[in-house]
Amino acid sequence: MPAMRTISLKVPEALYAKLSELARRKGVSRSAVLREALEAFEGGASSFSFKARDLAGSLDGPEDLSTNPEHMAGFGR
Protein backbone atom coordinates (compact mmCIF):
# COMPACT_ATOMS: atom_id res chain seq x y z
CA MET A 1 0.00 0.00 0.00
CA PRO A 2 1.39 3.45 -0.91
CA ALA A 3 2.23 5.98 1.78
CA MET A 4 -0.87 7.72 3.10
CA ARG A 5 -1.34 11.38 3.97
CA THR A 6 -3.88 12.54 6.52
CA ILE A 7 -6.42 15.24 5.71
CA SER A 8 -9.18 16.89 7.71
CA LEU A 9 -12.66 17.10 6.23
CA LYS A 10 -15.81 18.75 7.53
CA VAL A 11 -19.14 17.33 6.39
CA PRO A 12 -22.74 17.86 7.51
CA GLU A 13 -24.01 15.39 10.10
CA ALA A 14 -26.37 13.74 7.60
CA LEU A 15 -23.53 13.07 5.16
CA TYR A 16 -21.34 11.74 7.97
CA ALA A 17 -24.13 9.33 8.92
CA LYS A 18 -24.41 8.12 5.31
CA LEU A 19 -20.65 7.68 5.10
CA SER A 20 -20.56 5.74 8.36
CA GLU A 21 -23.44 3.49 7.30
CA LEU A 22 -21.87 2.76 3.93
CA ALA A 23 -18.54 1.95 5.57
CA ARG A 24 -20.30 -0.37 8.04
CA ARG A 25 -22.19 -2.18 5.26
CA LYS A 26 -19.03 -2.62 3.18
CA GLY A 27 -16.98 -3.63 6.20
CA VAL A 28 -14.32 -0.99 5.56
CA SER A 29 -13.24 2.27 7.15
CA ARG A 30 -14.78 5.64 6.32
CA SER A 31 -11.40 6.57 4.86
CA ALA A 32 -11.56 3.61 2.48
CA VAL A 33 -15.03 4.67 1.32
CA LEU A 34 -13.80 8.23 0.68
CA ARG A 35 -10.69 7.01 -1.17
CA GLU A 36 -12.86 4.83 -3.40
CA ALA A 37 -15.24 7.73 -4.08
CA LEU A 38 -12.36 10.07 -4.94
CA GLU A 39 -10.82 7.52 -7.29
CA ALA A 40 -14.17 7.06 -9.03
CA PHE A 41 -14.61 10.84 -9.29
CA GLU A 42 -11.10 11.27 -10.64
CA GLY A 43 -11.93 8.76 -13.38
CA GLY A 44 -14.61 11.14 -14.59
CA ALA A 45 -18.33 11.23 -14.28
CA SER A 46 -20.07 8.07 -15.32
CA SER A 47 -22.37 9.75 -17.81
CA PHE A 48 -21.98 8.96 -21.48
CA SER A 49 -21.83 12.63 -22.43
CA PHE A 50 -18.92 13.22 -20.05
CA LYS A 51 -16.97 10.24 -21.35
CA ALA A 52 -17.64 11.19 -25.00
CA ARG A 53 -16.95 14.92 -24.61
CA ASP A 54 -13.80 14.75 -26.76
CA LEU A 55 -15.87 13.34 -29.64
CA ALA A 56 -18.26 16.30 -29.86
CA GLY A 57 -17.92 17.94 -33.25
CA SER A 58 -15.58 15.29 -34.60
CA LEU A 59 -18.04 13.99 -37.23
CA ASP A 60 -19.45 15.62 -40.34
CA GLY A 61 -23.17 15.67 -40.89
CA PRO A 62 -26.31 17.65 -40.14
CA GLU A 63 -26.11 19.73 -36.99
CA ASP A 64 -29.49 18.76 -35.62
CA LEU A 65 -31.84 16.23 -37.19
CA SER A 66 -34.74 17.59 -35.13
CA THR A 67 -34.82 20.64 -37.40
CA ASN A 68 -35.69 18.47 -40.42
CA PRO A 69 -39.42 17.64 -40.47
CA GLU A 70 -38.69 14.44 -42.44
CA HIS A 71 -36.73 13.00 -39.51
CA MET A 72 -39.37 14.05 -37.00
CA ALA A 73 -42.36 12.52 -38.81
CA GLY A 74 -44.35 10.41 -36.37
CA PHE A 75 -42.23 11.35 -33.36
CA GLY A 76 -44.18 11.22 -30.12
CA ARG A 77 -47.10 9.18 -31.42
PDB file of N, CA and C in Angstrom:
ATOM      1  N   MET A   1       0.850  -1.174   0.000  1.00  0.00           N
ATOM      2  CA  MET A   1       0.000   0.000   0.000  1.00  0.00           C
ATOM      3  C   MET A   1       0.901   1.243   0.000  1.00  0.00           C
ATOM      4  N   PRO A   2       0.565   2.234  -0.853  1.00  0.00           N
ATOM      5  CA  PRO A   2       1.394   3.447  -0.907  1.00  0.00           C
ATOM      6  C   PRO A   2       1.300   4.226   0.397  1.00  0.00           C
ATOM      7  N   ALA A   3       2.245   5.127   0.595  1.00  0.00           N
ATOM      8  CA  ALA A   3       2.225   5.977   1.780  1.00  0.00           C
ATOM      9  C   ALA A   3       0.939   6.806   1.788  1.00  0.00           C
ATOM     10  N   MET A   4       0.385   6.984   2.965  1.00  0.00           N
ATOM     11  CA  MET A   4      -0.869   7.719   3.105  1.00  0.00           C
ATOM     12  C   MET A   4      -0.621   9.055   3.784  1.00  0.00           C
ATOM     13  N   ARG A   5      -1.350  10.063   3.334  1.00  0.00           N
ATOM     14  CA  ARG A   5      -1.339  11.380   3.967  1.00  0.00           C
ATOM     15  C   ARG A   5      -2.662  11.559   4.684  1.00  0.00           C
ATOM     16  N   THR A   6      -2.666  12.278   5.745  1.00  0.00           N
ATOM     17  CA  THR A   6      -3.879  12.538   6.518  1.00  0.00           C
ATOM     18  C   THR A   6      -4.431  13.909   6.149  1.00  0.00           C
ATOM     19  N   ILE A   7      -5.744  13.969   5.961  1.00  0.00           N
ATOM     20  CA  ILE A   7      -6.415  15.245   5.715  1.00  0.00           C
ATOM     21  C   ILE A   7      -7.552  15.391   6.715  1.00  0.00           C
ATOM     22  N   SER A   8      -8.030  16.610   6.868  1.00  0.00           N
ATOM     23  CA  SER A   8      -9.178  16.893   7.714  1.00  0.00           C
ATOM     24  C   SER A   8     -10.320  17.327   6.812  1.00  0.00           C
ATOM     25  N   LEU A   9     -11.510  16.824   7.092  1.00  0.00           N
ATOM     26  CA  LEU A   9     -12.655  17.096   6.233  1.00  0.00           C
ATOM     27  C   LEU A   9     -13.869  17.369   7.095  1.00  0.00           C
ATOM     28  N   LYS A  10     -14.577  18.431   6.813  1.00  0.00           N
ATOM     29  CA  LYS A  10     -15.811  18.745   7.531  1.00  0.00           C
ATOM     30  C   LYS A  10     -16.985  18.437   6.621  1.00  0.00           C
ATOM     31  N   VAL A  11     -17.938  17.680   7.152  1.00  0.00           N
ATOM     32  CA  VAL A  11     -19.140  17.334   6.393  1.00  0.00           C
ATOM     33  C   VAL A  11     -20.354  17.523   7.298  1.00  0.00           C
ATOM     34  N   PRO A  12     -21.514  17.768   6.712  1.00  0.00           N
ATOM     35  CA  PRO A  12     -22.739  17.860   7.511  1.00  0.00           C
ATOM     36  C   PRO A  12     -23.023  16.524   8.208  1.00  0.00           C
ATOM     37  N   GLU A  13     -23.713  16.586   9.309  1.00  0.00           N
ATOM     38  CA  GLU A  13     -24.014  15.391  10.102  1.00  0.00           C
ATOM     39  C   GLU A  13     -24.706  14.311   9.269  1.00  0.00           C
ATOM     40  N   ALA A  14     -25.639  14.723   8.409  1.00  0.00           N
ATOM     41  CA  ALA A  14     -26.372  13.737   7.597  1.00  0.00           C
ATOM     42  C   ALA A  14     -25.433  12.999   6.649  1.00  0.00           C
ATOM     43  N   LEU A  15     -24.482  13.708   6.060  1.00  0.00           N
ATOM     44  CA  LEU A  15     -23.530  13.073   5.158  1.00  0.00           C
ATOM     45  C   LEU A  15     -22.585  12.152   5.923  1.00  0.00           C
ATOM     46  N   TYR A  16     -22.196  12.577   7.117  1.00  0.00           N
ATOM     47  CA  TYR A  16     -21.341  11.739   7.967  1.00  0.00           C
ATOM     48  C   TYR A  16     -22.055  10.431   8.310  1.00  0.00           C
ATOM     49  N   ALA A  17     -23.347  10.527   8.598  1.00  0.00           N
ATOM     50  CA  ALA A  17     -24.135   9.329   8.920  1.00  0.00           C
ATOM     51  C   ALA A  17     -24.191   8.390   7.722  1.00  0.00           C
ATOM     52  N   LYS A  18     -24.383   8.956   6.518  1.00  0.00           N
ATOM     53  CA  LYS A  18     -24.410   8.123   5.309  1.00  0.00           C
ATOM     54  C   LYS A  18     -23.059   7.455   5.077  1.00  0.00           C
ATOM     55  N   LEU A  19     -21.999   8.219   5.266  1.00  0.00           N
ATOM     56  CA  LEU A  19     -20.651   7.682   5.097  1.00  0.00           C
ATOM     57  C   LEU A  19     -20.399   6.544   6.078  1.00  0.00           C
ATOM     58  N   SER A  20     -20.763   6.758   7.336  1.00  0.00           N
ATOM     59  CA  SER A  20     -20.558   5.737   8.364  1.00  0.00           C
ATOM     60  C   SER A  20     -21.352   4.473   8.061  1.00  0.00           C
ATOM     61  N   GLU A  21     -22.592   4.650   7.621  1.00  0.00           N
ATOM     62  CA  GLU A  21     -23.436   3.488   7.305  1.00  0.00           C
ATOM     63  C   GLU A  21     -22.879   2.722   6.108  1.00  0.00           C
ATOM     64  N   LEU A  22     -22.432   3.427   5.096  1.00  0.00           N
ATOM     65  CA  LEU A  22     -21.865   2.760   3.934  1.00  0.00           C
ATOM     66  C   LEU A  22     -20.599   1.997   4.315  1.00  0.00           C
ATOM     67  N   ALA A  23     -19.761   2.615   5.112  1.00  0.00           N
ATOM     68  CA  ALA A  23     -18.539   1.952   5.565  1.00  0.00           C
ATOM     69  C   ALA A  23     -18.874   0.694   6.367  1.00  0.00           C
ATOM     70  N   ARG A  24     -19.889   0.791   7.245  1.00  0.00           N
ATOM     71  CA  ARG A  24     -20.300  -0.367   8.044  1.00  0.00           C
ATOM     72  C   ARG A  24     -20.796  -1.494   7.143  1.00  0.00           C
ATOM     73  N   ARG A  25     -21.651  -1.149   6.165  1.00  0.00           N
ATOM     74  CA  ARG A  25     -22.191  -2.177   5.261  1.00  0.00           C
ATOM     75  C   ARG A  25     -21.099  -2.842   4.437  1.00  0.00           C
ATOM     76  N   LYS A  26     -20.113  -2.069   3.999  1.00  0.00           N
ATOM     77  CA  LYS A  26     -19.028  -2.621   3.181  1.00  0.00           C
ATOM     78  C   LYS A  26     -17.952  -3.297   4.019  1.00  0.00           C
ATOM     79  N   GLY A  27     -17.981  -3.036   5.321  1.00  0.00           N
ATOM     80  CA  GLY A  27     -16.982  -3.625   6.196  1.00  0.00           C
ATOM     81  C   GLY A  27     -15.606  -2.995   6.040  1.00  0.00           C
ATOM     82  N   VAL A  28     -15.584  -1.710   5.736  1.00  0.00           N
ATOM     83  CA  VAL A  28     -14.325  -0.988   5.565  1.00  0.00           C
ATOM     84  C   VAL A  28     -14.385   0.307   6.366  1.00  0.00           C
ATOM     85  N   SER A  29     -13.280   1.011   6.425  1.00  0.00           N
ATOM     86  CA  SER A  29     -13.241   2.273   7.153  1.00  0.00           C
ATOM     87  C   SER A  29     -13.898   3.388   6.344  1.00  0.00           C
ATOM     88  N   ARG A  30     -14.259   4.473   7.021  1.00  0.00           N
ATOM     89  CA  ARG A  30     -14.785   5.641   6.320  1.00  0.00           C
ATOM     90  C   ARG A  30     -13.739   6.171   5.344  1.00  0.00           C
ATOM     91  N   SER A  31     -12.468   6.114   5.749  1.00  0.00           N
ATOM     92  CA  SER A  31     -11.396   6.573   4.862  1.00  0.00           C
ATOM     93  C   SER A  31     -11.371   5.771   3.570  1.00  0.00           C
ATOM     94  N   ALA A  32     -11.567   4.458   3.675  1.00  0.00           N
ATOM     95  CA  ALA A  32     -11.562   3.609   2.481  1.00  0.00           C
ATOM     96  C   ALA A  32     -12.713   3.974   1.552  1.00  0.00           C
ATOM     97  N   VAL A  33     -13.874   4.269   2.131  1.00  0.00           N
ATOM     98  CA  VAL A  33     -15.026   4.671   1.315  1.00  0.00           C
ATOM     99  C   VAL A  33     -14.710   5.981   0.596  1.00  0.00           C
ATOM    100  N   LEU A  34     -14.133   6.944   1.301  1.00  0.00           N
ATOM    101  CA  LEU A  34     -13.803   8.226   0.684  1.00  0.00           C
ATOM    102  C   LEU A  34     -12.728   8.075  -0.384  1.00  0.00           C
ATOM    103  N   ARG A  35     -11.724   7.244  -0.145  1.00  0.00           N
ATOM    104  CA  ARG A  35     -10.688   7.012  -1.168  1.00  0.00           C
ATOM    105  C   ARG A  35     -11.312   6.430  -2.426  1.00  0.00           C
ATOM    106  N   GLU A  36     -12.197   5.449  -2.249  1.00  0.00           N
ATOM    107  CA  GLU A  36     -12.865   4.827  -3.399  1.00  0.00           C
ATOM    108  C   GLU A  36     -13.702   5.854  -4.165  1.00  0.00           C
ATOM    109  N   ALA A  37     -14.409   6.710  -3.434  1.00  0.00           N
ATOM    110  CA  ALA A  37     -15.238   7.735  -4.082  1.00  0.00           C
ATOM    111  C   ALA A  37     -14.369   8.734  -4.849  1.00  0.00           C
ATOM    112  N   LEU A  38     -13.250   9.128  -4.266  1.00  0.00           N
ATOM    113  CA  LEU A  38     -12.356  10.071  -4.939  1.00  0.00           C
ATOM    114  C   LEU A  38     -11.733   9.458  -6.186  1.00  0.00           C
ATOM    115  N   GLU A  39     -11.381   8.189  -6.107  1.00  0.00           N
ATOM    116  CA  GLU A  39     -10.819   7.525  -7.288  1.00  0.00           C
ATOM    117  C   GLU A  39     -11.856   7.425  -8.395  1.00  0.00           C
ATOM    118  N   ALA A  40     -13.106   7.142  -8.039  1.00  0.00           N
ATOM    119  CA  ALA A  40     -14.175   7.061  -9.034  1.00  0.00           C
ATOM    120  C   ALA A  40     -14.429   8.441  -9.637  1.00  0.00           C
ATOM    121  N   PHE A  41     -14.393   9.470  -8.810  1.00  0.00           N
ATOM    122  CA  PHE A  41     -14.607  10.838  -9.286  1.00  0.00           C
ATOM    123  C   PHE A  41     -13.474  11.267 -10.197  1.00  0.00           C
ATOM    124  N   GLU A  42     -12.260  10.917  -9.836  1.00  0.00           N
ATOM    125  CA  GLU A  42     -11.095  11.269 -10.641  1.00  0.00           C
ATOM    126  C   GLU A  42     -11.187  10.642 -12.022  1.00  0.00           C
ATOM    127  N   GLY A  43     -11.772   9.448 -12.110  1.00  0.00           N
ATOM    128  CA  GLY A  43     -11.926   8.756 -13.375  1.00  0.00           C
ATOM    129  C   GLY A  43     -12.937   9.424 -14.277  1.00  0.00           C
ATOM    130  N   GLY A  44     -13.613  10.429 -13.798  1.00  0.00           N
ATOM    131  CA  GLY A  44     -14.609  11.141 -14.592  1.00  0.00           C
ATOM    132  C   GLY A  44     -16.005  10.718 -14.213  1.00  0.00           C
ATOM    133  N   ALA A  45     -16.933  11.555 -14.536  1.00  0.00           N
ATOM    134  CA  ALA A  45     -18.325  11.234 -14.283  1.00  0.00           C
ATOM    135  C   ALA A  45     -18.698  10.002 -15.091  1.00  0.00           C
ATOM    136  N   SER A  46     -19.695   9.308 -14.645  1.00  0.00           N
ATOM    137  CA  SER A  46     -20.069   8.067 -15.323  1.00  0.00           C
ATOM    138  C   SER A  46     -21.038   8.293 -16.482  1.00  0.00           C
ATOM    139  N   SER A  47     -21.413   9.523 -16.743  1.00  0.00           N
ATOM    140  CA  SER A  47     -22.366   9.752 -17.815  1.00  0.00           C
ATOM    141  C   SER A  47     -21.691   9.562 -19.178  1.00  0.00           C
ATOM    142  N   PHE A  48     -22.491   9.150 -20.124  1.00  0.00           N
ATOM    143  CA  PHE A  48     -21.980   8.958 -21.478  1.00  0.00           C
ATOM    144  C   PHE A  48     -21.465  10.266 -22.052  1.00  0.00           C
ATOM    145  N   SER A  49     -22.233  11.352 -21.842  1.00  0.00           N
ATOM    146  CA  SER A  49     -21.833  12.629 -22.430  1.00  0.00           C
ATOM    147  C   SER A  49     -20.492  13.109 -21.885  1.00  0.00           C
ATOM    148  N   PHE A  50     -20.219  12.829 -20.607  1.00  0.00           N
ATOM    149  CA  PHE A  50     -18.923  13.219 -20.048  1.00  0.00           C
ATOM    150  C   PHE A  50     -17.802  12.407 -20.683  1.00  0.00           C
ATOM    151  N   LYS A  51     -18.016  11.108 -20.797  1.00  0.00           N
ATOM    152  CA  LYS A  51     -16.974  10.241 -21.348  1.00  0.00           C
ATOM    153  C   LYS A  51     -16.746  10.484 -22.841  1.00  0.00           C
ATOM    154  N   ALA A  52     -17.763  10.972 -23.554  1.00  0.00           N
ATOM    155  CA  ALA A  52     -17.641  11.186 -25.001  1.00  0.00           C
ATOM    156  C   ALA A  52     -17.408  12.654 -25.350  1.00  0.00           C
ATOM    157  N   ARG A  53     -17.075  13.474 -24.366  1.00  0.00           N
ATOM    158  CA  ARG A  53     -16.947  14.918 -24.606  1.00  0.00           C
ATOM    159  C   ARG A  53     -15.898  15.256 -25.657  1.00  0.00           C
ATOM    160  N   ASP A  54     -14.843  14.455 -25.766  1.00  0.00           N
ATOM    161  CA  ASP A  54     -13.798  14.748 -26.759  1.00  0.00           C
ATOM    162  C   ASP A  54     -14.253  14.411 -28.181  1.00  0.00           C
ATOM    163  N   LEU A  55     -15.368  13.703 -28.319  1.00  0.00           N
ATOM    164  CA  LEU A  55     -15.869  13.336 -29.642  1.00  0.00           C
ATOM    165  C   LEU A  55     -16.817  14.382 -30.220  1.00  0.00           C
ATOM    166  N   ALA A  56     -17.303  15.292 -29.407  1.00  0.00           N
ATOM    167  CA  ALA A  56     -18.261  16.302 -29.863  1.00  0.00           C
ATOM    168  C   ALA A  56     -17.652  17.115 -30.999  1.00  0.00           C
ATOM    169  N   GLY A  57     -18.378  17.169 -32.101  1.00  0.00           N
ATOM    170  CA  GLY A  57     -17.925  17.940 -33.247  1.00  0.00           C
ATOM    171  C   GLY A  57     -16.895  17.244 -34.106  1.00  0.00           C
ATOM    172  N   SER A  58     -16.612  15.984 -33.834  1.00  0.00           N
ATOM    173  CA  SER A  58     -15.578  15.289 -34.603  1.00  0.00           C
ATOM    174  C   SER A  58     -16.120  14.618 -35.867  1.00  0.00           C
ATOM    175  N   LEU A  59     -17.433  14.626 -36.071  1.00  0.00           N
ATOM    176  CA  LEU A  59     -18.037  13.990 -37.234  1.00  0.00           C
ATOM    177  C   LEU A  59     -18.706  15.027 -38.115  1.00  0.00           C
ATOM    178  N   ASP A  60     -18.746  14.759 -39.401  1.00  0.00           N
ATOM    179  CA  ASP A  60     -19.448  15.624 -40.341  1.00  0.00           C
ATOM    180  C   ASP A  60     -20.872  15.129 -40.494  1.00  0.00           C
ATOM    181  N   GLY A  61     -21.778  16.039 -40.688  1.00  0.00           N
ATOM    182  CA  GLY A  61     -23.172  15.672 -40.888  1.00  0.00           C
ATOM    183  C   GLY A  61     -24.073  16.820 -40.485  1.00  0.00           C
ATOM    184  N   PRO A  62     -25.381  16.589 -40.514  1.00  0.00           N
ATOM    185  CA  PRO A  62     -26.306  17.653 -40.140  1.00  0.00           C
ATOM    186  C   PRO A  62     -26.113  18.015 -38.667  1.00  0.00           C
ATOM    187  N   GLU A  63     -26.294  19.287 -38.365  1.00  0.00           N
ATOM    188  CA  GLU A  63     -26.107  19.735 -36.992  1.00  0.00           C
ATOM    189  C   GLU A  63     -27.164  19.164 -36.057  1.00  0.00           C
ATOM    190  N   ASP A  64     -28.408  19.176 -36.503  1.00  0.00           N
ATOM    191  CA  ASP A  64     -29.491  18.756 -35.618  1.00  0.00           C
ATOM    192  C   ASP A  64     -30.616  18.180 -36.461  1.00  0.00           C
ATOM    193  N   LEU A  65     -30.808  16.871 -36.388  1.00  0.00           N
ATOM    194  CA  LEU A  65     -31.842  16.227 -37.191  1.00  0.00           C
ATOM    195  C   LEU A  65     -33.241  16.663 -36.786  1.00  0.00           C
ATOM    196  N   SER A  66     -33.399  17.181 -35.572  1.00  0.00           N
ATOM    197  CA  SER A  66     -34.736  17.588 -35.132  1.00  0.00           C
ATOM    198  C   SER A  66     -35.246  18.803 -35.898  1.00  0.00           C
ATOM    199  N   THR A  67     -34.375  19.494 -36.620  1.00  0.00           N
ATOM    200  CA  THR A  67     -34.820  20.645 -37.405  1.00  0.00           C
ATOM    201  C   THR A  67     -35.359  20.231 -38.763  1.00  0.00           C
ATOM    202  N   ASN A  68     -35.204  18.967 -39.136  1.00  0.00           N
ATOM    203  CA  ASN A  68     -35.685  18.470 -40.423  1.00  0.00           C
ATOM    204  C   ASN A  68     -36.995  17.727 -40.189  1.00  0.00           C
ATOM    205  N   PRO A  69     -38.115  18.266 -40.691  1.00  0.00           N
ATOM    206  CA  PRO A  69     -39.419  17.635 -40.471  1.00  0.00           C
ATOM    207  C   PRO A  69     -39.465  16.177 -40.927  1.00  0.00           C
ATOM    208  N   GLU A  70     -38.704  15.823 -41.947  1.00  0.00           N
ATOM    209  CA  GLU A  70     -38.690  14.442 -42.436  1.00  0.00           C
ATOM    210  C   GLU A  70     -38.231  13.468 -41.337  1.00  0.00           C
ATOM    211  N   HIS A  71     -37.254  13.869 -40.566  1.00  0.00           N
ATOM    212  CA  HIS A  71     -36.733  12.996 -39.508  1.00  0.00           C
ATOM    213  C   HIS A  71     -37.625  12.973 -38.275  1.00  0.00           C
ATOM    214  N   MET A  72     -38.505  13.966 -38.182  1.00  0.00           N
ATOM    215  CA  MET A  72     -39.369  14.047 -36.999  1.00  0.00           C
ATOM    216  C   MET A  72     -40.771  13.503 -37.266  1.00  0.00           C
ATOM    217  N   ALA A  73     -41.039  13.038 -38.466  1.00  0.00           N
ATOM    218  CA  ALA A  73     -42.359  12.525 -38.806  1.00  0.00           C
ATOM    219  C   ALA A  73     -42.720  11.363 -37.885  1.00  0.00           C
ATOM    220  N   GLY A  74     -43.852  11.472 -37.231  1.00  0.00           N
ATOM    221  CA  GLY A  74     -44.349  10.408 -36.369  1.00  0.00           C
ATOM    222  C   GLY A  74     -43.747  10.397 -34.981  1.00  0.00           C
ATOM    223  N   PHE A  75     -42.848  11.315 -34.682  1.00  0.00           N
ATOM    224  CA  PHE A  75     -42.230  11.350 -33.360  1.00  0.00           C
ATOM    225  C   PHE A  75     -43.267  11.697 -32.297  1.00  0.00           C
ATOM    226  N   GLY A  76     -43.283  10.955 -31.229  1.00  0.00           N
ATOM    227  CA  GLY A  76     -44.179  11.224 -30.120  1.00  0.00           C
ATOM    228  C   GLY A  76     -45.553  10.600 -30.238  1.00  0.00           C
ATOM    229  N   ARG A  77     -45.782   9.800 -31.259  1.00  0.00           N
ATOM    230  CA  ARG A  77     -47.095   9.182 -31.417  1.00  0.00           C
ATOM    231  C   ARG A  77     -47.159   7.869 -30.686  1.00  0.00           C
TER     232      ARG A  77
END
